[in-house]
N, C-alpha and C. Protein backbone atom coordinates (compact mmCIF):
# COMPACT_ATOMS: atom_id res chain seq x y z
N MET A 1 33.34 8.23 25.16
CA MET A 1 32.98 6.83 25.26
C MET A 1 31.56 6.64 24.77
N LEU A 2 31.37 5.63 23.91
CA LEU A 2 30.04 5.34 23.40
C LEU A 2 29.21 4.63 24.45
N GLN A 3 27.94 4.99 24.51
CA GLN A 3 27.03 4.33 25.43
C GLN A 3 26.27 3.26 24.66
N LYS A 4 26.18 2.07 25.25
CA LYS A 4 25.46 0.98 24.61
C LYS A 4 23.96 1.23 24.77
N VAL A 5 23.25 1.19 23.66
CA VAL A 5 21.80 1.42 23.66
C VAL A 5 21.14 0.23 23.00
N HIS A 6 20.13 -0.28 23.64
CA HIS A 6 19.37 -1.39 23.07
C HIS A 6 18.15 -0.78 22.39
N SER A 7 17.89 -1.22 21.19
CA SER A 7 16.81 -0.66 20.41
C SER A 7 16.08 -1.76 19.69
N ALA A 8 14.82 -1.55 19.42
CA ALA A 8 14.04 -2.52 18.66
C ALA A 8 13.28 -1.78 17.57
N ALA A 9 13.21 -2.39 16.42
CA ALA A 9 12.45 -1.85 15.30
C ALA A 9 11.82 -3.03 14.58
N PHE A 10 10.71 -2.79 13.92
CA PHE A 10 10.06 -3.87 13.20
C PHE A 10 9.27 -3.33 12.02
N VAL A 11 9.01 -4.19 11.08
CA VAL A 11 8.10 -3.94 9.97
C VAL A 11 7.31 -5.22 9.75
N PHE A 12 6.15 -5.08 9.20
CA PHE A 12 5.35 -6.24 8.84
C PHE A 12 5.50 -6.50 7.35
N GLY A 13 5.66 -7.76 6.98
CA GLY A 13 5.78 -8.09 5.57
C GLY A 13 6.43 -9.44 5.39
N ASP A 14 6.69 -9.75 4.15
CA ASP A 14 7.35 -11.01 3.83
C ASP A 14 8.86 -10.86 4.02
N ARG A 15 9.62 -11.83 3.58
CA ARG A 15 11.07 -11.78 3.77
C ARG A 15 11.78 -11.33 2.50
N SER A 16 11.15 -10.43 1.78
CA SER A 16 11.71 -9.94 0.52
C SER A 16 12.72 -8.82 0.78
N VAL A 17 13.44 -8.46 -0.26
CA VAL A 17 14.37 -7.33 -0.19
C VAL A 17 13.61 -6.05 0.15
N GLU A 18 12.45 -5.87 -0.44
CA GLU A 18 11.66 -4.65 -0.18
C GLU A 18 11.33 -4.51 1.31
N THR A 19 10.87 -5.57 1.94
CA THR A 19 10.55 -5.52 3.36
C THR A 19 11.81 -5.29 4.18
N GLY A 20 12.89 -5.98 3.83
CA GLY A 20 14.15 -5.80 4.55
C GLY A 20 14.68 -4.38 4.48
N ARG A 21 14.56 -3.77 3.32
CA ARG A 21 15.02 -2.38 3.17
C ARG A 21 14.19 -1.44 4.04
N LYS A 22 12.90 -1.71 4.18
CA LYS A 22 12.06 -0.88 5.05
C LYS A 22 12.57 -0.93 6.48
N LEU A 23 12.92 -2.13 6.94
CA LEU A 23 13.45 -2.27 8.29
C LEU A 23 14.82 -1.60 8.39
N TRP A 24 15.69 -1.85 7.43
CA TRP A 24 17.04 -1.27 7.47
C TRP A 24 16.96 0.26 7.47
N ASP A 25 16.02 0.83 6.72
CA ASP A 25 15.86 2.28 6.70
C ASP A 25 15.47 2.82 8.08
N LYS A 26 14.73 2.04 8.86
CA LYS A 26 14.34 2.47 10.20
C LYS A 26 15.52 2.50 11.16
N ILE A 27 16.50 1.64 10.94
CA ILE A 27 17.60 1.53 11.91
C ILE A 27 18.93 2.06 11.38
N LYS A 28 18.96 2.59 10.18
CA LYS A 28 20.25 2.99 9.59
C LYS A 28 20.94 4.14 10.32
N GLY A 29 20.24 4.89 11.13
CA GLY A 29 20.87 5.97 11.90
C GLY A 29 21.46 5.49 13.21
N ILE A 30 21.29 4.21 13.53
CA ILE A 30 21.80 3.64 14.77
C ILE A 30 23.13 2.96 14.49
N LEU A 31 24.10 3.15 15.36
CA LEU A 31 25.38 2.47 15.21
C LEU A 31 25.15 0.98 15.43
N ILE A 32 25.36 0.19 14.40
CA ILE A 32 25.09 -1.23 14.45
C ILE A 32 26.41 -1.99 14.38
N ASP A 33 26.64 -2.81 15.39
CA ASP A 33 27.87 -3.60 15.43
C ASP A 33 27.68 -4.96 14.77
N LYS A 34 26.60 -5.65 15.11
CA LYS A 34 26.35 -7.00 14.60
C LYS A 34 24.89 -7.14 14.20
N VAL A 35 24.65 -8.00 13.22
CA VAL A 35 23.30 -8.31 12.77
C VAL A 35 23.18 -9.83 12.74
N ALA A 36 22.13 -10.35 13.34
CA ALA A 36 21.89 -11.80 13.32
C ALA A 36 21.09 -12.15 12.07
N SER A 37 21.47 -13.22 11.44
CA SER A 37 20.85 -13.62 10.19
C SER A 37 20.70 -15.13 10.14
N ASP A 38 19.87 -15.60 9.24
CA ASP A 38 19.71 -17.04 9.05
C ASP A 38 19.97 -17.43 7.59
N TYR A 39 20.88 -16.72 6.95
CA TYR A 39 21.28 -16.97 5.57
C TYR A 39 20.19 -16.66 4.54
N TRP A 40 19.15 -15.94 4.89
CA TRP A 40 18.13 -15.60 3.91
C TRP A 40 18.78 -14.72 2.86
N SER A 41 18.66 -15.10 1.61
CA SER A 41 19.43 -14.45 0.54
C SER A 41 19.11 -12.96 0.38
N SER A 42 17.92 -12.53 0.70
CA SER A 42 17.58 -11.12 0.51
C SER A 42 18.37 -10.20 1.44
N TYR A 43 18.87 -10.71 2.56
CA TYR A 43 19.63 -9.87 3.49
C TYR A 43 20.87 -9.30 2.83
N GLU A 44 21.44 -10.03 1.90
CA GLU A 44 22.66 -9.56 1.24
C GLU A 44 22.45 -8.25 0.49
N ALA A 45 21.22 -7.92 0.16
CA ALA A 45 20.92 -6.70 -0.59
C ALA A 45 21.00 -5.44 0.27
N PHE A 46 20.91 -5.58 1.60
CA PHE A 46 20.90 -4.37 2.42
C PHE A 46 21.76 -4.46 3.68
N VAL A 47 22.15 -5.63 4.14
CA VAL A 47 23.00 -5.75 5.33
C VAL A 47 24.46 -5.78 4.87
N PRO A 48 25.27 -4.81 5.31
CA PRO A 48 26.68 -4.82 4.92
C PRO A 48 27.36 -6.09 5.45
N PRO A 49 28.18 -6.74 4.65
CA PRO A 49 28.80 -8.00 5.07
C PRO A 49 29.64 -7.87 6.34
N GLU A 50 30.21 -6.70 6.59
CA GLU A 50 31.02 -6.54 7.80
C GLU A 50 30.16 -6.52 9.07
N ASN A 51 28.86 -6.35 8.95
CA ASN A 51 27.97 -6.34 10.11
C ASN A 51 27.25 -7.66 10.33
N GLU A 52 27.31 -8.55 9.39
CA GLU A 52 26.47 -9.73 9.46
C GLU A 52 27.11 -10.85 10.28
N VAL A 53 26.32 -11.44 11.17
CA VAL A 53 26.72 -12.61 11.93
C VAL A 53 25.74 -13.71 11.55
N LEU A 54 26.25 -14.77 10.97
CA LEU A 54 25.37 -15.85 10.53
C LEU A 54 25.20 -16.84 11.67
N LEU A 55 23.96 -17.04 12.09
CA LEU A 55 23.68 -17.88 13.24
C LEU A 55 23.32 -19.31 12.87
N PHE A 56 22.51 -19.47 11.88
CA PHE A 56 21.98 -20.79 11.55
C PHE A 56 22.58 -21.26 10.23
N GLN A 57 23.34 -22.31 10.27
CA GLN A 57 23.95 -22.83 9.06
C GLN A 57 23.03 -23.86 8.43
N GLU A 58 23.07 -23.89 7.12
CA GLU A 58 22.28 -24.90 6.40
C GLU A 58 22.81 -26.27 6.75
N ARG A 59 21.92 -27.20 6.94
CA ARG A 59 22.33 -28.57 7.20
C ARG A 59 22.69 -29.22 5.88
N ARG A 60 23.86 -29.76 5.80
CA ARG A 60 24.31 -30.40 4.56
C ARG A 60 24.14 -31.90 4.67
N ASN A 61 23.74 -32.48 3.59
CA ASN A 61 23.57 -33.93 3.53
C ASN A 61 24.73 -34.54 2.75
N ASP A 62 25.94 -34.37 3.26
CA ASP A 62 27.13 -34.90 2.58
C ASP A 62 27.31 -36.37 2.89
């Protein structure tokens, strides 16, 4: 049986792909079930789509 572990990691930087990859490299050895996102396009470069949970939807002016 897997034990649930809460973990935190961080990097300082902008919201670029380069900064995101630095963070992803820190946590890639951890079993990750879900990732919270706000549709920032750079996340698509390193967060697998099966792990991504989109929290904040763009407001549409239809």
